[in-house]
Amino acid sequence: MAAEVDHLGGDQGADRPRGRRGRAGHPGAPDHLRQPGRTPVPHPDPREQLRADCGRCAGLCCVLPAFAASADFAVDKPAGRPCTHLQGDFRCGIHADLRDRGFPGCTVFDCFGAGQQTVQVTFGGRDWRGSPELAAPMGTAFGVLRQLHELLWYLAEALALPVAAPLHPELAALRDRTEQLTAAGGDELAAVDTGAYRAEAGTLLQAVSELARAGLPGRNRDRRGADLVGARLRGADLRGASLRGAYLIAADLRGADLRRADLLGADLRAADLRGADLTGALFLTRPQVAAARGDAGTILPAVLEHPAHWGAP
């Protein structure tokens, strides 16, 4: 599978091709592409649409990435080989018991809906079993789409911030361009320079972050990319801090105040967020939350839910 999304940003404005199968108007297309020329029905939060629908995918996340036997995966699996637990209907045979069976890494992966987009839209409902020649191009497209869908998550959040209103026209333009690009064909997606796209978006999202964190105590606390592995930050006041891309693996953040902290791309694997307040935390995603530890006292942004392994919120 293509590399996981880095700290997103970028450009690459390929226009959406028209009149082709799997594009706007195709029944497999997501809501924002299904009825071109019409105003989409408003949703409480556009990010609710950026969710995996495994029933409309073809087990791409169970085939494309490589697994290394570790605390995250019970076995080794080379890239491109189906997991032994992948069933004939493209469902995981141990989905309900992944953590108990030694596959917690699977539970924290999130494609942001790129899986069903790849299968249903880009490849018109075909899959790698029925058409083995599609395995490689499907993997390439999925890697690009996963990054574009994650970017759409960040852009939806930025556009919902009133304080970012001065940047809303630029954000909306990038969102529209990204939505159009998600409807491109496999060859077009393969040609996307995702690094450049991330770079452009990252600059814009950084400007959003600056506006959102203005006036907070930690606004000038720049820990972008910092090595905070295992750091003792229990009860720390990190309001408005920039922790973008920081390594917070196994950090003790119990009871920490992370309100409006910028967490874009922060590595929260095994970070202890029990009792932490992440109200309004910027650019936090489901995979980050799922990779961390938390409890009923952990306060998350409204769009995110407590993972099942945290216990009932």
C-alpha atoms as a PDB file:
ATOM      1  CA  MET A   1       0.000   0.000   0.000  1.00  0.00           C
ATOM      2  CA  ALA A   2       1.164   3.551  -0.612  1.00  0.00           C
ATOM      3  CA  ALA A   3       2.799   5.215   2.344  1.00  0.00           C
ATOM      4  CA  GLU A   4       0.576   6.423   5.127  1.00  0.00           C
ATOM      5  CA  VAL A   5      -0.372  10.071   4.950  1.00  0.00           C
ATOM      6  CA  ASP A   6       2.425  12.307   6.169  1.00  0.00           C
ATOM      7  CA  HIS A   7       1.501  15.628   7.679  1.00  0.00           C
ATOM      8  CA  LEU A   8      -0.899  16.633   4.984  1.00  0.00           C
ATOM      9  CA  GLY A   9      -0.629  19.578   2.701  1.00  0.00           C
ATOM     10  CA  GLY A  10      -0.514  19.934  -1.015  1.00  0.00           C
ATOM     11  CA  ASP A  11      -1.634  20.839  -4.486  1.00  0.00           C
ATOM     12  CA  GLN A  12      -2.287  19.063  -7.719  1.00  0.00           C
ATOM     13  CA  GLY A  13      -5.331  20.353  -9.434  1.00  0.00           C
ATOM     14  CA  ALA A  14      -6.401  17.714 -11.901  1.00  0.00           C
ATOM     15  CA  ASP A  15      -9.838  18.571 -13.220  1.00  0.00           C
ATOM     16  CA  ARG A  16     -12.509  15.938 -12.780  1.00  0.00           C
ATOM     17  CA  PRO A  17     -13.133  14.049 -16.022  1.00  0.00           C
ATOM     18  CA  ARG A  18     -16.744  14.035 -17.093  1.00  0.00           C
ATOM     19  CA  GLY A  19     -19.083  11.434 -18.507  1.00  0.00           C
ATOM     20  CA  ARG A  20     -17.067   8.473 -17.294  1.00  0.00           C
ATOM     21  CA  ARG A  21     -18.142   5.469 -15.290  1.00  0.00           C
ATOM     22  CA  GLY A  22     -17.567   5.786 -11.568  1.00  0.00           C
ATOM     23  CA  ARG A  23     -17.567   9.569 -11.522  1.00  0.00           C
ATOM     24  CA  ALA A  24     -20.161  12.094 -10.388  1.00  0.00           C
ATOM     25  CA  GLY A  25     -23.619  10.637 -10.867  1.00  0.00           C
ATOM     26  CA  HIS A  26     -22.443   7.039 -10.516  1.00  0.00           C
ATOM     27  CA  PRO A  27     -24.462   5.138  -7.872  1.00  0.00           C
ATOM     28  CA  GLY A  28     -21.256   4.144  -6.112  1.00  0.00           C
ATOM     29  CA  ALA A  29     -20.105   7.722  -5.739  1.00  0.00           C
ATOM     30  CA  PRO A  30     -20.108   9.425  -2.332  1.00  0.00           C
ATOM     31  CA  ASP A  31     -22.829  11.954  -1.568  1.00  0.00           C
ATOM     32  CA  HIS A  32     -20.735  14.969  -2.528  1.00  0.00           C
ATOM     33  CA  LEU A  33     -20.330  13.585  -6.062  1.00  0.00           C
ATOM     34  CA  ARG A  34     -23.619  11.815  -6.622  1.00  0.00           C
ATOM     35  CA  GLN A  35     -25.693  14.696  -7.990  1.00  0.00           C
ATOM     36  CA  PRO A  36     -23.560  17.155  -9.956  1.00  0.00           C
ATOM     37  CA  GLY A  37     -25.086  20.604 -10.279  1.00  0.00           C
ATOM     38  CA  ARG A  38     -27.278  20.115  -7.231  1.00  0.00           C
ATOM     39  CA  THR A  39     -26.802  21.457  -3.773  1.00  0.00           C
ATOM     40  CA  PRO A  40     -26.034  18.452  -1.522  1.00  0.00           C
ATOM     41  CA  VAL A  41     -28.266  17.771   1.434  1.00  0.00           C
ATOM     42  CA  PRO A  42     -26.518  19.329   4.430  1.00  0.00           C
ATOM     43  CA  HIS A  43     -25.050  16.993   7.025  1.00  0.00           C
ATOM     44  CA  PRO A  44     -24.392  17.776  10.691  1.00  0.00           C
ATOM     45  CA  ASP A  45     -20.683  17.352   9.979  1.00  0.00           C
ATOM     46  CA  PRO A  46     -19.142  16.399   6.609  1.00  0.00           C
ATOM     47  CA  ARG A  47     -16.629  14.228   8.450  1.00  0.00           C
ATOM     48  CA  GLU A  48     -19.396  11.758   9.228  1.00  0.00           C
ATOM     49  CA  GLN A  49     -19.240  10.739   5.553  1.00  0.00           C
ATOM     50  CA  LEU A  50     -15.520  10.012   5.759  1.00  0.00           C
ATOM     51  CA  ARG A  51     -15.980   6.629   7.360  1.00  0.00           C
ATOM     52  CA  ALA A  52     -15.006   3.192   6.136  1.00  0.00           C
ATOM     53  CA  ASP A  53     -17.811   1.070   4.717  1.00  0.00           C
ATOM     54  CA  CYS A  54     -16.199  -2.364   4.623  1.00  0.00           C
ATOM     55  CA  GLY A  55     -19.246  -3.917   2.973  1.00  0.00           C
ATOM     56  CA  ARG A  56     -18.574  -1.842  -0.156  1.00  0.00           C
ATOM     57  CA  CYS A  57     -14.799  -2.369  -0.174  1.00  0.00           C
ATOM     58  CA  ALA A  58     -12.761  -5.430  -1.169  1.00  0.00           C
ATOM     59  CA  GLY A  59     -10.614  -5.939   1.902  1.00  0.00           C
ATOM     60  CA  LEU A  60      -7.936  -3.565   0.616  1.00  0.00           C
ATOM     61  CA  CYS A  61      -6.486  -2.833   4.050  1.00  0.00           C
ATOM     62  CA  CYS A  62      -6.218  -6.600   4.615  1.00  0.00           C
ATOM     63  CA  VAL A  63      -4.212  -7.106   1.424  1.00  0.00           C
ATOM     64  CA  LEU A  64      -2.100  -4.099   0.512  1.00  0.00           C
ATOM     65  CA  PRO A  65      -0.009  -3.280   3.606  1.00  0.00           C
ATOM     66  CA  ALA A  66       2.782  -5.421   4.998  1.00  0.00           C
ATOM     67  CA  PHE A  67       2.491  -6.660   8.589  1.00  0.00           C
ATOM     68  CA  ALA A  68       5.507  -7.268  10.805  1.00  0.00           C
ATOM     69  CA  ALA A  69       5.037  -9.588  13.770  1.00  0.00           C
ATOM     70  CA  SER A  70       5.035  -7.229  16.723  1.00  0.00           C
ATOM     71  CA  ALA A  71       2.825  -5.827  19.445  1.00  0.00           C
ATOM     72  CA  ASP A  72       0.535  -4.602  16.667  1.00  0.00           C
ATOM     73  CA  PHE A  73       0.327  -7.744  14.526  1.00  0.00           C
ATOM     74  CA  ALA A  74       0.535 -11.402  15.500  1.00  0.00           C
ATOM     75  CA  VAL A  75       2.114 -12.508  12.222  1.00  0.00           C
ATOM     76  CA  ASP A  76       4.314 -11.378   9.370  1.00  0.00           C
ATOM     77  CA  LYS A  77       2.514 -10.623   6.114  1.00  0.00           C
ATOM     78  CA  PRO A  78       4.166  -9.268   2.973  1.00  0.00           C
ATOM     79  CA  ALA A  79       2.578  -6.364   1.128  1.00  0.00           C
ATOM     80  CA  GLY A  80       0.034  -7.440  -1.466  1.00  0.00           C
ATOM     81  CA  ARG A  81      -0.762 -10.804   0.116  1.00  0.00           C
ATOM     82  CA  PRO A  82      -4.230 -11.253   1.628  1.00  0.00           C
ATOM     83  CA  CYS A  83      -4.306 -11.753   5.384  1.00  0.00           C
ATOM     84  CA  THR A  84      -5.117 -15.337   6.309  1.00  0.00           C
ATOM     85  CA  HIS A  85      -8.186 -14.072   8.165  1.00  0.00           C
ATOM     86  CA  LEU A  86      -9.693 -12.388   5.102  1.00  0.00           C
ATOM     87  CA  GLN A  87     -12.794 -14.312   4.046  1.00  0.00           C
ATOM     88  CA  GLY A  88     -14.350 -14.882   0.654  1.00  0.00           C
ATOM     89  CA  ASP A  89     -16.782 -12.006   1.180  1.00  0.00           C
ATOM     90  CA  PHE A  90     -13.863  -9.633   1.898  1.00  0.00           C
ATOM     91  CA  ARG A  91     -14.736  -9.547   5.594  1.00  0.00           C
ATOM     92  CA  CYS A  92     -12.348 -10.198   8.475  1.00  0.00           C
ATOM     93  CA  GLY A  93     -12.981 -13.543  10.119  1.00  0.00           C
ATOM     94  CA  ILE A  94     -11.762 -12.334  13.518  1.00  0.00           C
ATOM     95  CA  HIS A  95     -12.946  -8.726  13.393  1.00  0.00           C
ATOM     96  CA  ALA A  96     -14.723  -8.910  16.734  1.00  0.00           C
ATOM     97  CA  ASP A  97     -11.637 -10.331  18.443  1.00  0.00           C
ATOM     98  CA  LEU A  98      -8.768  -8.531  16.725  1.00  0.00           C
ATOM     99  CA  ARG A  99      -7.217  -7.183  19.914  1.00  0.00           C
ATOM    100  CA  ASP A 100      -7.512 -10.479  21.756  1.00  0.00           C
ATOM    101  CA  ARG A 101      -6.008 -12.335  18.788  1.00  0.00           C
ATOM    102  CA  GLY A 102      -2.953 -10.055  18.622  1.00  0.00           C
ATOM    103  CA  PHE A 103      -3.978  -7.613  15.887  1.00  0.00           C
ATOM    104  CA  PRO A 104      -4.530  -4.256  17.622  1.00  0.00           C
ATOM    105  CA  GLY A 105      -2.811  -2.584  14.677  1.00  0.00           C
ATOM    106  CA  CYS A 106      -5.783  -3.464  12.511  1.00  0.00           C
ATOM    107  CA  THR A 107      -8.215  -1.797  14.899  1.00  0.00           C
ATOM    108  CA  VAL A 108      -6.517   1.585  14.671  1.00  0.00           C
ATOM    109  CA  PHE A 109      -6.334   1.766  10.871  1.00  0.00           C
ATOM    110  CA  ASP A 110      -8.883   4.035   9.227  1.00  0.00           C
ATOM    111  CA  CYS A 111      -9.134   4.614   5.484  1.00  0.00           C
ATOM    112  CA  PHE A 112     -11.549   7.566   5.873  1.00  0.00           C
ATOM    113  CA  GLY A 113     -13.803   5.919   3.302  1.00  0.00           C
ATOM    114  CA  ALA A 114     -11.085   5.560   0.673  1.00  0.00           C
ATOM    115  CA  GLY A 115     -11.659   1.804   0.425  1.00  0.00           C
ATOM    116  CA  GLN A 116     -15.191   1.983  -0.903  1.00  0.00           C
ATOM    117  CA  GLN A 117     -14.253   4.971  -3.062  1.00  0.00           C
ATOM    118  CA  THR A 118     -11.482   2.947  -4.702  1.00  0.00           C
ATOM    119  CA  VAL A 119     -13.634  -0.115  -5.356  1.00  0.00           C
ATOM    120  CA  GLN A 120     -17.000   1.419  -6.160  1.00  0.00           C
ATOM    121  CA  VAL A 121     -16.000   4.623  -7.938  1.00  0.00           C
ATOM    122  CA  THR A 122     -12.450   4.426  -9.254  1.00  0.00           C
ATOM    123  CA  PHE A 123     -12.819   0.826 -10.447  1.00  0.00           C
ATOM    124  CA  GLY A 124     -16.574   0.715 -11.008  1.00  0.00           C
ATOM    125  CA  GLY A 125     -17.355  -2.057  -8.515  1.00  0.00           C
ATOM    126  CA  ARG A 126     -14.651  -4.462  -9.716  1.00  0.00           C
ATOM    127  CA  ASP A 127     -12.243  -6.106  -7.294  1.00  0.00           C
ATOM    128  CA  TRP A 128      -8.800  -7.726  -7.281  1.00  0.00           C
ATOM    129  CA  ARG A 129     -10.158 -11.273  -6.981  1.00  0.00           C
ATOM    130  CA  GLY A 130     -12.392 -11.078 -10.007  1.00  0.00           C
ATOM    131  CA  SER A 131      -9.846  -9.022 -11.943  1.00  0.00           C
ATOM    132  CA  PRO A 132      -6.350  -9.885 -10.656  1.00  0.00           C
ATOM    133  CA  GLU A 133      -4.761  -7.424 -13.084  1.00  0.00           C
ATOM    134  CA  LEU A 134      -6.327  -4.606 -11.046  1.00  0.00           C
ATOM    135  CA  ALA A 135      -4.445  -5.455  -7.857  1.00  0.00           C
ATOM    136  CA  ALA A 136      -1.498  -3.132  -8.466  1.00  0.00           C
ATOM    137  CA  PRO A 137      -3.396  -0.109  -9.854  1.00  0.00           C
ATOM    138  CA  MET A 138      -6.033  -0.535  -7.165  1.00  0.00           C
ATOM    139  CA  GLY A 139      -3.332  -0.458  -4.496  1.00  0.00           C
ATOM    140  CA  THR A 140      -1.840   2.708  -5.954  1.00  0.00           C
ATOM    141  CA  ALA A 141      -5.213   4.429  -6.175  1.00  0.00           C
ATOM    142  CA  PHE A 142      -6.125   3.422  -2.638  1.00  0.00           C
ATOM    143  CA  GLY A 143      -2.901   4.887  -1.282  1.00  0.00           C
ATOM    144  CA  VAL A 144      -3.591   8.233  -2.937  1.00  0.00           C
ATOM    145  CA  LEU A 145      -7.286   8.308  -2.072  1.00  0.00           C
ATOM    146  CA  ARG A 146      -6.614   7.508   1.552  1.00  0.00           C
ATOM    147  CA  GLN A 147      -4.477  10.635   1.776  1.00  0.00           C
ATOM    148  CA  LEU A 148      -7.021  12.773  -0.069  1.00  0.00           C
ATOM    149  CA  HIS A 149      -9.843  11.588   2.177  1.00  0.00           C
ATOM    150  CA  GLU A 150      -7.833  12.349   5.293  1.00  0.00           C
ATOM    151  CA  LEU A 151      -7.192  15.822   3.912  1.00  0.00           C
ATOM    152  CA  LEU A 152     -10.948  16.254   3.414  1.00  0.00           C
ATOM    153  CA  TRP A 153     -11.345  15.476   7.128  1.00  0.00           C
ATOM    154  CA  TYR A 154      -8.966  18.294   8.048  1.00  0.00           C
ATOM    155  CA  LEU A 155     -10.522  20.726   5.599  1.00  0.00           C
ATOM    156  CA  ALA A 156     -14.028  20.035   6.920  1.00  0.00           C
ATOM    157  CA  GLU A 157     -12.802  20.805  10.428  1.00  0.00           C
ATOM    158  CA  ALA A 158     -11.048  23.987   9.327  1.00  0.00           C
ATOM    159  CA  LEU A 159     -14.138  25.199   7.480  1.00  0.00           C
ATOM    160  CA  ALA A 160     -16.217  24.668  10.634  1.00  0.00           C
ATOM    161  CA  LEU A 161     -14.005  27.007  12.660  1.00  0.00           C
ATOM    162  CA  PRO A 162     -15.490  30.541  12.737  1.00  0.00           C
ATOM    163  CA  VAL A 163     -12.119  31.951  13.714  1.00  0.00           C
ATOM    164  CA  ALA A 164     -10.714  30.680  10.403  1.00  0.00           C
ATOM    165  CA  ALA A 165     -13.274  32.654   8.369  1.00  0.00           C
ATOM    166  CA  PRO A 166     -10.579  34.780   6.640  1.00  0.00           C
ATOM    167  CA  LEU A 167      -9.186  31.556   5.163  1.00  0.00           C
ATOM    168  CA  HIS A 168     -12.523  29.931   4.308  1.00  0.00           C
ATOM    169  CA  PRO A 169     -12.404  30.847   0.587  1.00  0.00           C
ATOM    170  CA  GLU A 170      -8.984  29.193   0.173  1.00  0.00           C
ATOM    171  CA  LEU A 171     -10.051  26.221   2.261  1.00  0.00           C
ATOM    172  CA  ALA A 172     -13.259  25.753   0.282  1.00  0.00           C
ATOM    173  CA  ALA A 173     -11.363  25.950  -3.000  1.00  0.00           C
ATOM    174  CA  LEU A 174      -8.920  23.272  -1.864  1.00  0.00           C
ATOM    175  CA  ARG A 175     -11.770  21.119  -0.570  1.00  0.00           C
ATOM    176  CA  ASP A 176     -13.600  21.358  -3.893  1.00  0.00           C
ATOM    177  CA  ARG A 177     -10.445  20.569  -5.838  1.00  0.00           C
ATOM    178  CA  THR A 178      -9.747  17.590  -3.588  1.00  0.00           C
ATOM    179  CA  GLU A 179     -13.286  16.262  -3.926  1.00  0.00           C
ATOM    180  CA  GLN A 180     -12.979  16.481  -7.698  1.00  0.00           C
ATOM    181  CA  LEU A 181      -9.656  14.689  -7.590  1.00  0.00           C
ATOM    182  CA  THR A 182     -11.153  11.802  -5.600  1.00  0.00           C
ATOM    183  CA  ALA A 183     -13.362  11.152  -8.629  1.00  0.00           C
ATOM    184  CA  ALA A 184     -10.418  10.781 -11.002  1.00  0.00           C
ATOM    185  CA  GLY A 185      -9.545   7.526 -12.735  1.00  0.00           C
ATOM    186  CA  GLY A 186      -6.799   5.162 -11.672  1.00  0.00           C
ATOM    187  CA  ASP A 187      -4.196   6.527 -14.093  1.00  0.00           C
ATOM    188  CA  GLU A 188      -4.872  10.100 -13.018  1.00  0.00           C
ATOM    189  CA  LEU A 189      -4.637   9.211  -9.349  1.00  0.00           C
ATOM    190  CA  ALA A 190      -1.350   7.401  -9.955  1.00  0.00           C
ATOM    191  CA  ALA A 191       0.057  10.622 -11.413  1.00  0.00           C
ATOM    192  CA  VAL A 192      -0.824  12.742  -8.376  1.00  0.00           C
ATOM    193  CA  ASP A 193       2.165  14.230  -6.592  1.00  0.00           C
ATOM    194  CA  THR A 194       0.904  13.599  -3.074  1.00  0.00           C
ATOM    195  CA  GLY A 195       3.965  15.231  -1.540  1.00  0.00           C
ATOM    196  CA  ALA A 196       3.237  18.510  -3.282  1.00  0.00           C
ATOM    197  CA  TYR A 197      -0.445  18.226  -2.415  1.00  0.00           C
ATOM    198  CA  ARG A 198       0.374  17.713   1.250  1.00  0.00           C
ATOM    199  CA  ALA A 199       2.784  20.628   1.219  1.00  0.00           C
ATOM    200  CA  GLU A 200       0.192  23.096  -0.056  1.00  0.00           C
ATOM    201  CA  ALA A 201      -2.503  21.888   2.318  1.00  0.00           C
ATOM    202  CA  GLY A 202      -0.096  21.797   5.248  1.00  0.00           C
ATOM    203  CA  THR A 203       0.761  25.471   4.806  1.00  0.00           C
ATOM    204  CA  LEU A 204      -2.905  26.411   4.726  1.00  0.00           C
ATOM    205  CA  LEU A 205      -3.792  24.250   7.724  1.00  0.00           C
ATOM    206  CA  GLN A 206      -0.878  25.751   9.652  1.00  0.00           C
ATOM    207  CA  ALA A 207      -2.381  29.198   9.071  1.00  0.00           C
ATOM    208  CA  VAL A 208      -5.724  27.876  10.363  1.00  0.00           C
ATOM    209  CA  SER A 209      -3.970  26.512  13.437  1.00  0.00           C
ATOM    210  CA  GLU A 210      -2.349  29.879  14.156  1.00  0.00           C
ATOM    211  CA  LEU A 211      -5.716  31.611  14.057  1.00  0.00           C
ATOM    212  CA  ALA A 212      -7.435  28.970  16.190  1.00  0.00           C
ATOM    213  CA  ARG A 213      -4.752  29.015  18.886  1.00  0.00           C
ATOM    214  CA  ALA A 214      -4.276  32.791  19.028  1.00  0.00           C
ATOM    215  CA  GLY A 215      -4.411  34.190  22.565  1.00  0.00           C
ATOM    216  CA  LEU A 216      -4.018  30.843  24.330  1.00  0.00           C
ATOM    217  CA  PRO A 217      -1.251  30.290  26.908  1.00  0.00           C
ATOM    218  CA  GLY A 218       0.549  27.685  24.837  1.00  0.00           C
ATOM    219  CA  ARG A 219       0.156  29.414  21.498  1.00  0.00           C
ATOM    220  CA  ASN A 220       3.902  30.036  21.218  1.00  0.00           C
ATOM    221  CA  ARG A 221       4.811  26.593  22.555  1.00  0.00           C
ATOM    222  CA  ASP A 222       6.047  24.987  19.369  1.00  0.00           C
ATOM    223  CA  ARG A 223       6.748  21.267  19.785  1.00  0.00           C
ATOM    224  CA  ARG A 224       6.215  20.316  16.177  1.00  0.00           C
ATOM    225  CA  GLY A 225       7.944  17.025  15.452  1.00  0.00           C
ATOM    226  CA  ALA A 226       9.294  16.871  19.010  1.00  0.00           C
ATOM    227  CA  ASP A 227      10.498  13.587  20.477  1.00  0.00           C
ATOM    228  CA  LEU A 228       8.210  13.199  23.480  1.00  0.00           C
ATOM    229  CA  VAL A 229       8.256   9.407  23.600  1.00  0.00           C
ATOM    230  CA  GLY A 230       7.399   8.352  27.138  1.00  0.00           C
ATOM    231  CA  ALA A 231       7.349  11.991  28.291  1.00  0.00           C
ATOM    232  CA  ARG A 232       5.928  12.693  31.739  1.00  0.00           C
ATOM    233  CA  LEU A 233       3.252  15.246  30.983  1.00  0.00           C
ATOM    234  CA  ARG A 234       0.660  14.303  33.565  1.00  0.00           C
ATOM    235  CA  GLY A 235      -1.547  17.303  34.328  1.00  0.00           C
ATOM    236  CA  ALA A 236       0.427  19.512  31.929  1.00  0.00           C
ATOM    237  CA  ASP A 237      -1.131  22.729  30.630  1.00  0.00           C
ATOM    238  CA  LEU A 238      -0.800  22.251  26.883  1.00  0.00           C
ATOM    239  CA  ARG A 239      -3.628  24.539  25.834  1.00  0.00           C
ATOM    240  CA  GLY A 240      -2.969  25.858  22.357  1.00  0.00           C
ATOM    241  CA  ALA A 241       0.378  24.084  22.042  1.00  0.00           C
ATOM    242  CA  SER A 242       1.564  22.988  18.620  1.00  0.00           C
ATOM    243  CA  LEU A 243       2.195  19.251  18.839  1.00  0.00           C
ATOM    244  CA  ARG A 244       1.929  18.742  15.111  1.00  0.00           C
ATOM    245  CA  GLY A 245       3.828  15.623  14.113  1.00  0.00           C
ATOM    246  CA  ALA A 246       5.170  15.159  17.665  1.00  0.00           C
ATOM    247  CA  TYR A 247       6.138  11.687  18.856  1.00  0.00           C
ATOM    248  CA  LEU A 248       3.978  11.142  21.923  1.00  0.00           C
ATOM    249  CA  ILE A 249       4.280   7.358  21.955  1.00  0.00           C
ATOM    250  CA  ALA A 250       3.555   6.060  25.477  1.00  0.00           C
ATOM    251  CA  ALA A 251       3.590   9.623  26.836  1.00  0.00           C
ATOM    252  CA  ASP A 252       1.847  10.125  30.183  1.00  0.00           C
ATOM    253  CA  LEU A 253      -0.821  12.720  29.418  1.00  0.00           C
ATOM    254  CA  ARG A 254      -3.202  11.790  32.213  1.00  0.00           C
ATOM    255  CA  GLY A 255      -5.265  14.782  33.202  1.00  0.00           C
ATOM    256  CA  ALA A 256      -3.439  17.014  30.717  1.00  0.00           C
ATOM    257  CA  ASP A 257      -5.167  20.091  29.319  1.00  0.00           C
ATOM    258  CA  LEU A 258      -4.961  19.747  25.536  1.00  0.00           C
ATOM    259  CA  ARG A 259      -7.741  22.116  24.657  1.00  0.00           C
ATOM    260  CA  ARG A 260      -7.178  23.564  21.197  1.00  0.00           C
ATOM    261  CA  ALA A 261      -3.764  21.943  20.925  1.00  0.00           C
ATOM    262  CA  ASP A 262      -2.746  21.218  17.342  1.00  0.00           C
ATOM    263  CA  LEU A 263      -2.371  17.435  17.052  1.00  0.00           C
ATOM    264  CA  LEU A 264      -2.182  17.045  13.293  1.00  0.00           C
ATOM    265  CA  GLY A 265      -0.081  13.968  12.595  1.00  0.00           C
ATOM    266  CA  ALA A 266       0.952  13.496  16.238  1.00  0.00           C
ATOM    267  CA  ASP A 267       1.836   9.896  17.063  1.00  0.00           C
ATOM    268  CA  LEU A 268      -0.356   8.961  20.035  1.00  0.00           C
ATOM    269  CA  ARG A 269       0.296   5.223  20.082  1.00  0.00           C
ATOM    270  CA  ALA A 270      -0.080   4.003  23.675  1.00  0.00           C
ATOM    271  CA  ALA A 271      -0.228   7.601  24.923  1.00  0.00           C
ATOM    272  CA  ASP A 272      -2.158   7.712  28.198  1.00  0.00           C
ATOM    273  CA  LEU A 273      -5.026  10.172  27.779  1.00  0.00           C
ATOM    274  CA  ARG A 274      -7.027   9.093  30.800  1.00  0.00           C
ATOM    275  CA  GLY A 275      -8.760  12.120  32.238  1.00  0.00           C
ATOM    276  CA  ALA A 276      -7.265  14.433  29.601  1.00  0.00           C
ATOM    277  CA  ASP A 277      -9.294  17.282  28.131  1.00  0.00           C
ATOM    278  CA  LEU A 278      -9.047  17.472  24.335  1.00  0.00           C
ATOM    279  CA  THR A 279     -11.985  19.817  23.841  1.00  0.00           C
ATOM    280  CA  GLY A 280     -11.464  21.625  20.570  1.00  0.00           C
ATOM    281  CA  ALA A 281      -8.171  19.841  19.881  1.00  0.00           C
ATOM    282  CA  LEU A 282      -7.212  20.619  16.293  1.00  0.00           C
ATOM    283  CA  PHE A 283      -6.970  18.028  13.525  1.00  0.00           C
ATOM    284  CA  LEU A 284      -7.388  15.001  15.778  1.00  0.00           C
ATOM    285  CA  THR A 285      -8.560  11.834  13.990  1.00  0.00           C
ATOM    286  CA  ARG A 286     -10.126   8.509  14.858  1.00  0.00           C
ATOM    287  CA  PRO A 287      -6.933   6.504  14.215  1.00  0.00           C
ATOM    288  CA  GLN A 288      -4.995   8.690  16.646  1.00  0.00           C
ATOM    289  CA  VAL A 289      -7.635   8.282  19.331  1.00  0.00           C
ATOM    290  CA  ALA A 290      -7.911   4.531  18.766  1.00  0.00           C
ATOM    291  CA  ALA A 291      -4.148   4.142  19.124  1.00  0.00           C
ATOM    292  CA  ALA A 292      -4.118   5.861  22.515  1.00  0.00           C
ATOM    293  CA  ARG A 293      -5.346   4.844  25.958  1.00  0.00           C
ATOM    294  CA  GLY A 294      -8.266   6.654  27.507  1.00  0.00           C
ATOM    295  CA  ASP A 295     -11.185   6.300  29.857  1.00  0.00           C
ATOM    296  CA  ALA A 296     -14.597   7.708  30.693  1.00  0.00           C
ATOM    297  CA  GLY A 297     -12.927  10.883  31.925  1.00  0.00           C
ATOM    298  CA  THR A 298     -11.219  11.629  28.615  1.00  0.00           C
ATOM    299  CA  ILE A 299     -12.972  14.505  26.859  1.00  0.00           C
ATOM    300  CA  LEU A 300     -12.801  14.366  23.058  1.00  0.00           C
ATOM    301  CA  PRO A 301     -13.972  16.754  20.335  1.00  0.00           C
ATOM    302  CA  ALA A 302     -17.664  16.214  19.608  1.00  0.00           C
ATOM    303  CA  VAL A 303     -17.097  14.536  16.237  1.00  0.00           C
ATOM    304  CA  LEU A 304     -15.047  11.729  17.805  1.00  0.00           C
ATOM    305  CA  GLU A 305     -16.329   8.837  19.867  1.00  0.00           C
ATOM    306  CA  HIS A 306     -14.607   6.881  22.608  1.00  0.00           C
ATOM    307  CA  PRO A 307     -13.123   3.675  21.168  1.00  0.00           C
ATOM    308  CA  ALA A 308     -14.712   0.485  22.455  1.00  0.00           C
ATOM    309  CA  HIS A 309     -11.479  -0.662  24.116  1.00  0.00           C
ATOM    310  CA  TRP A 310     -11.524   2.455  26.338  1.00  0.00           C
ATOM    311  CA  GLY A 311     -14.685   1.267  28.006  1.00  0.00           C
ATOM    312  CA  ALA A 312     -17.996   3.114  28.099  1.00  0.00           C
ATOM    313  CA  PRO A 313     -17.632   6.936  28.041  1.00  0.00           C
END
